[in-house]
Protein backbone atom coordinates (compact mmCIF):
# COMPACT_ATOMS: atom_id res chain seq x y z
CA MET A 1 -4.71 -27.23 -170.67
CA ASN A 2 -4.32 -29.92 -167.32
CA ILE A 3 -4.91 -27.63 -164.98
CA GLY A 4 -4.55 -30.26 -160.97
CA ILE A 5 -5.90 -28.97 -158.22
CA LEU A 6 -4.96 -30.21 -155.29
CA SER A 7 -7.55 -32.23 -154.04
CA PHE A 8 -7.17 -33.30 -149.87
CA HIS A 9 -9.14 -30.35 -147.79
CA GLY A 10 -9.62 -26.67 -148.21
CA ASP A 11 -10.58 -24.49 -150.79
CA CYS A 12 -11.04 -27.18 -153.54
CA SER A 13 -14.79 -26.92 -155.40
CA GLU A 14 -14.02 -22.64 -155.61
CA HIS A 15 -10.73 -23.40 -157.39
CA ILE A 16 -11.98 -25.44 -159.79
CA THR A 17 -15.34 -23.67 -160.09
CA ALA A 18 -12.40 -20.36 -160.51
CA THR A 19 -10.60 -22.14 -162.64
CA GLU A 20 -12.98 -23.48 -164.99
CA GLN A 21 -14.72 -19.94 -165.83
CA ALA A 22 -11.72 -18.21 -166.05
CA GLY A 23 -10.97 -21.13 -168.00
CA LYS A 24 -14.34 -19.46 -169.92
CA ASN A 25 -13.66 -15.98 -169.84
CA LEU A 26 -10.29 -16.71 -171.84
CA GLY A 27 -11.55 -18.85 -175.19
CA LEU A 28 -9.41 -21.73 -173.29
CA LYS A 29 -10.30 -25.33 -173.23
CA ILE A 30 -8.76 -26.84 -170.11
CA SER A 31 -8.96 -30.00 -168.81
CA ILE A 32 -9.10 -30.05 -164.30
CA VAL A 33 -7.75 -32.64 -162.72
CA PRO A 34 -8.53 -33.15 -159.11
CA VAL A 35 -5.74 -34.30 -157.58
CA ARG A 36 -4.81 -37.00 -154.59
CA THR A 37 -2.33 -39.32 -155.63
CA LYS A 38 0.64 -39.31 -157.20
CA LYS A 39 -0.34 -40.53 -160.82
CA GLU A 40 -2.76 -37.38 -161.19
CA LEU A 41 0.21 -35.62 -161.16
CA HIS A 42 1.42 -36.80 -164.49
CA GLY A 43 0.95 -34.94 -167.87
CA LEU A 44 -0.26 -31.69 -165.34
CA ASP A 45 0.36 -28.60 -167.10
CA GLY A 46 -0.36 -26.56 -163.41
CA LEU A 47 -1.08 -27.47 -160.40
CA ILE A 48 -2.92 -25.35 -157.56
CA ILE A 49 -2.45 -25.82 -153.86
CA PRO A 50 -5.41 -24.43 -151.90
CA GLY A 51 -5.63 -23.15 -148.84
CA GLY A 52 -6.07 -25.18 -145.22
CA GLU A 53 -3.84 -26.07 -142.49
CA SER A 54 -0.38 -26.12 -144.45
CA PRO A 55 0.89 -28.70 -141.74
CA THR A 56 -1.67 -31.38 -142.91
CA LEU A 57 -1.46 -30.80 -147.09
CA ARG A 58 2.07 -31.48 -146.72
CA LYS A 59 1.71 -34.47 -144.40
CA LEU A 60 -1.31 -36.16 -146.86
CA CYS A 61 1.17 -35.19 -149.69
CA GLU A 62 4.41 -36.85 -148.12
CA ARG A 63 1.44 -39.90 -147.54
CA GLU A 64 1.24 -40.13 -150.86
CA ASN A 65 4.02 -40.22 -151.67
CA MET A 66 3.90 -36.78 -154.38
CA TRP A 67 6.15 -34.34 -151.88
CA GLU A 68 8.39 -34.68 -155.52
CA GLU A 69 6.65 -35.37 -157.48
CA MET A 70 4.66 -32.06 -156.80
CA LYS A 71 7.72 -30.24 -157.52
CA LYS A 72 8.78 -31.75 -161.09
CA VAL A 73 5.32 -29.37 -161.78
CA LYS A 74 6.69 -26.33 -163.77
CA ASN A 75 3.87 -24.07 -162.93
CA ILE A 76 2.16 -24.26 -159.87
CA PHE A 77 0.00 -21.94 -158.02
CA GLY A 78 -0.93 -21.90 -154.58
CA THR A 79 -3.19 -19.45 -152.04
CA CYS A 80 -2.55 -19.01 -148.61
CA ALA A 81 -1.73 -23.60 -147.03
CA GLY A 82 0.03 -23.02 -151.35
CA ALA A 83 2.25 -20.40 -150.80
CA ILE A 84 3.95 -21.69 -147.41
CA LEU A 85 3.87 -25.62 -149.23
CA LEU A 86 5.79 -23.51 -152.17
CA GLU A 87 8.47 -22.11 -149.62
CA LYS A 88 8.10 -25.33 -148.00
CA MET A 89 8.91 -27.46 -151.39
CA LYS A 90 12.13 -24.81 -151.79
CA LEU A 91 10.75 -23.73 -155.35
CA MET A 92 9.88 -20.01 -154.72
CA ASP A 93 12.05 -17.54 -153.18
CA ILE A 94 10.10 -16.06 -150.77
CA LYS A 95 10.12 -16.13 -146.10
CA VAL A 96 6.04 -16.88 -145.42
CA ASP A 97 5.39 -16.17 -142.04
CA ARG A 98 1.84 -18.62 -140.86
CA ASN A 99 -0.95 -17.73 -139.60
CA ALA A 100 1.05 -13.99 -139.13
CA TYR A 101 -2.77 -11.95 -139.00
CA GLY A 102 -3.59 -14.13 -135.90
CA ARG A 103 -6.42 -17.04 -135.36
CA GLN A 104 -9.59 -17.70 -136.99
CA ILE A 105 -11.23 -14.69 -134.70
CA ASP A 106 -8.63 -12.43 -137.02
CA SER A 107 -9.36 -13.38 -140.14
CA PHE A 108 -10.65 -10.54 -142.37
CA GLU A 109 -12.18 -9.32 -145.60
CA LYS A 110 -10.77 -6.09 -147.90
CA THR A 111 -10.34 -4.54 -150.91
CA ILE A 112 -6.72 -3.94 -152.24
CA LYS A 113 -4.89 -3.17 -155.24
CA THR A 114 -2.38 -5.36 -157.60
CA LYS A 115 -1.14 -5.34 -160.61
CA LEU A 116 -3.99 -7.29 -162.09
CA GLY A 117 -6.42 -4.50 -160.61
CA GLU A 118 -8.12 -3.86 -158.27
CA VAL A 119 -9.77 -7.05 -155.38
CA ASN A 120 -12.34 -7.36 -152.83
CA ALA A 121 -8.94 -9.84 -150.89
CA VAL A 122 -10.65 -12.08 -148.34
CA PHE A 123 -7.93 -12.99 -145.73
CA ILE A 124 -8.74 -16.40 -143.31
CA ARG A 125 -5.72 -17.00 -140.88
CA ALA A 126 -4.14 -16.32 -143.88
CA PRO A 127 -0.32 -16.07 -143.47
CA LYS A 128 2.09 -13.23 -144.37
CA ILE A 129 5.09 -12.61 -147.01
CA LYS A 130 8.55 -11.61 -145.31
CA SER A 131 10.77 -12.03 -147.51
CA ILE A 132 10.80 -12.11 -151.58
CA GLY A 133 13.81 -13.30 -153.40
CA LYS A 134 15.39 -11.23 -156.39
CA ASN A 135 13.41 -13.14 -158.46
CA VAL A 136 10.21 -12.47 -157.55
CA SER A 137 8.07 -9.91 -158.32
CA ILE A 138 5.51 -8.22 -155.73
CA LEU A 139 2.02 -8.13 -157.49
CA SER A 140 0.10 -6.96 -154.21
CA LYS A 141 0.73 -5.15 -150.89
CA ASN A 142 -1.88 -5.44 -148.12
CA GLU A 143 -0.20 -2.17 -146.94
CA ASN A 144 3.69 -2.64 -146.02
CA GLU A 145 2.83 -6.31 -146.22
CA ILE A 146 3.60 -8.51 -149.18
CA VAL A 147 0.31 -10.58 -150.31
CA ALA A 148 0.83 -11.09 -153.94
CA CYS A 149 3.93 -12.28 -155.82
CA GLU A 150 5.16 -13.82 -158.85
CA GLN A 151 8.24 -16.04 -159.57
CA LYS A 152 9.23 -16.75 -163.57
CA THR A 153 12.41 -18.91 -163.47
CA ASN A 154 13.91 -20.99 -165.64
CA GLY A 155 10.91 -21.65 -167.53
CA ARG A 156 9.16 -22.55 -164.45
CA PHE A 157 6.51 -20.25 -163.43
CA TYR A 158 4.78 -19.71 -160.18
CA LEU A 159 2.42 -17.77 -157.96
CA ALA A 160 1.22 -16.62 -155.23
CA THR A 161 -1.02 -15.31 -152.94
CA CYS A 162 -2.02 -15.00 -148.84
CA PHE A 163 -5.53 -14.25 -149.90
CA HIS A 164 -8.11 -16.72 -151.02
CA PRO A 165 -9.03 -15.34 -154.88
CA GLU A 166 -11.28 -18.18 -155.25
CA LEU A 167 -14.00 -16.92 -153.13
CA THR A 168 -13.63 -13.65 -155.08
CA THR A 169 -12.69 -12.96 -158.73
CA THR A 170 -10.59 -15.20 -161.44
CA LYS A 171 -8.24 -12.34 -162.25
CA PHE A 172 -5.67 -14.85 -160.26
CA HIS A 173 -7.45 -17.86 -162.05
CA GLU A 174 -6.91 -16.00 -164.98
CA TYR A 175 -3.73 -14.31 -164.90
CA PHE A 176 -1.92 -18.49 -164.27
CA LEU A 177 -3.47 -19.46 -167.44
CA LYS A 178 -2.49 -16.82 -169.43
CA SER A 179 0.81 -17.41 -168.04
CA LEU A 180 0.77 -21.02 -169.19
CA LYS A 181 -0.39 -20.56 -172.37
CA SER A 182 1.90 -17.59 -173.34
CA ALA A 183 4.89 -20.27 -171.77
CA SER A 184 3.50 -22.63 -173.89
CA LEU A 185 3.41 -21.09 -176.98
CA ARG A 186 7.53 -19.39 -175.85
CA LEU A 187 7.88 -24.04 -176.53
């Protein structure tokens, strides 16, 4: 399995470590590709878009002429700014409110319940998912606010979190890899 990690800025190394560990935990052979060019998107089974500055990430992707090519990747996991880009690319049927929890000083850590189990969630200038479409399933809420969801339609799988699971757990990376593996077995 070839997993790309968009590597312009953000928690790239943390996502690499979490993905490697998730693969080991599941007994999967995976190859991780740091993605900085359009060419590196070819042949990926999945792509992880880390947090960071969503306008900056978008501009860097457009500068490298990657935007349209990224849309061709059938399985994408976006955390924080990555969730925002999933909306901006019109891949996930979600509406996201950027920096909804406030400024950097308003960042926080909290234990939340998810469909994958309890996790310690780190919210850094985090977005909120304001609404979801009919094909989107909620995986977690922070009180009444959606903070993790997924969409499986037309042979595509998208996973979005408003927090940074790569800092505290491998549960979401394992879930992403399991979803890719089960999709490949159906082909």
